[in-house]
Amino acid sequence: MTVQCDMVVGQITNNQNMTHTHRPTAILTERVITPHNGLDAFRDALHSLVRDWPLTRALAWRMFVRDTKASYRQTFLGYVWLLLPALANTLVWVFLQNTSVVQIQAGDVPYPLFVFVGNVLWTAFNGALVNAMGVIDEAKGTLSKVNFPHEALILSACGKAILNTLATAIFIIPFLWLFPIRLQPTFLLFPVGIVATTVCGMALGLIVVPFTALFTDLGRGIHLMLRFAFFLTPVIFTVPASGWGHRIMMLNPATSLFVTSRSWLIGGESPMYTEFIFVSLASVVLLFIGVITLKVSLPHIIERLSG
């Protein structure tokens, strides 16, 4: 429940010349936020999403710019660090492939191009998930002191994930020049695949963030699992045709997003249209549920963290 109290600053008397000085009236709004219960919590959350949208958008942009500048202000390479993780990971696997340490089949597509596009998609998925999980930790010091639309944290996290992905994806162009292939008209759909992959990562991150905010070991466990998830997702290799590897990968919701998006751009794999549409729609629904759940649970989380 939110209670509002108005305090009016009015007339001030000047004792020296016995005159009255009128100053502009200022209205200060105090908002007392307490945990909700029942359906009223979800109803108020939906209402605040619409009511606070203009402020949310402006605040999220300021947070995004501030955090981005702060992240690279004291670095020598600056924004080049946005590209280096995906490029370094690509070079490692290309080196292992060329030295026959591993033998990975990528079809008719040059392997460096294949693995770099996979790393771009992994940057979108992993970056969105990790940024979504960290929305409360990054603002833990101000959540209990400053009143602001909390969904701005989500928009800011989404902006960071998009920036990381775009900074990496733009280097697909020189890779296409170094390893030329015949592009199909479906390459225009590749941005759709990036958006769907980002939404999937954000949705999964927001679903678990109320729990990771209260239990830090759960967040550490998820970060550890993501290292194994990299090898359970078709980032550096295609989906096996059969066997337990095929079955495990088909249970991974990100598989259809990676396979379909990469096939749109460079080919080499059969698109999984049905699975792609299903996972994309489910991600949108989960994203909405995650936003509402976070807004409803945040007063309880703030109370626990402050105590």
Foldseek 3Di string as FASTA:
>chain_A
DKDKDWDWDFKDADVPVRDTDTDDIDIDIDIDDAADDDPVLLVVLVVCCVVCVVVLVVLLVVVLVVVLCVVQVPPPVGPVVLAPVLVVVLVVVVVCCVVVVDPFDLFPAPLSLQLSLLSLLVLLQVQLLLQLLCLCVVCVPCPVPDDDPSCSSNSSSLVVSVVSSVVNVVCSVVVCVVGPDDADPLLVCLVVLSVLSNLLSNLNNLVCNLVCLVPVVVVVVVVVVVVVVVVLECNNHAQDPDDPSNVSNVVDLCNLSSQQSSCSTHNSGDHPVVSSVVSSVVSVVSNVVSSSVCSNCVSVSSVVSVD
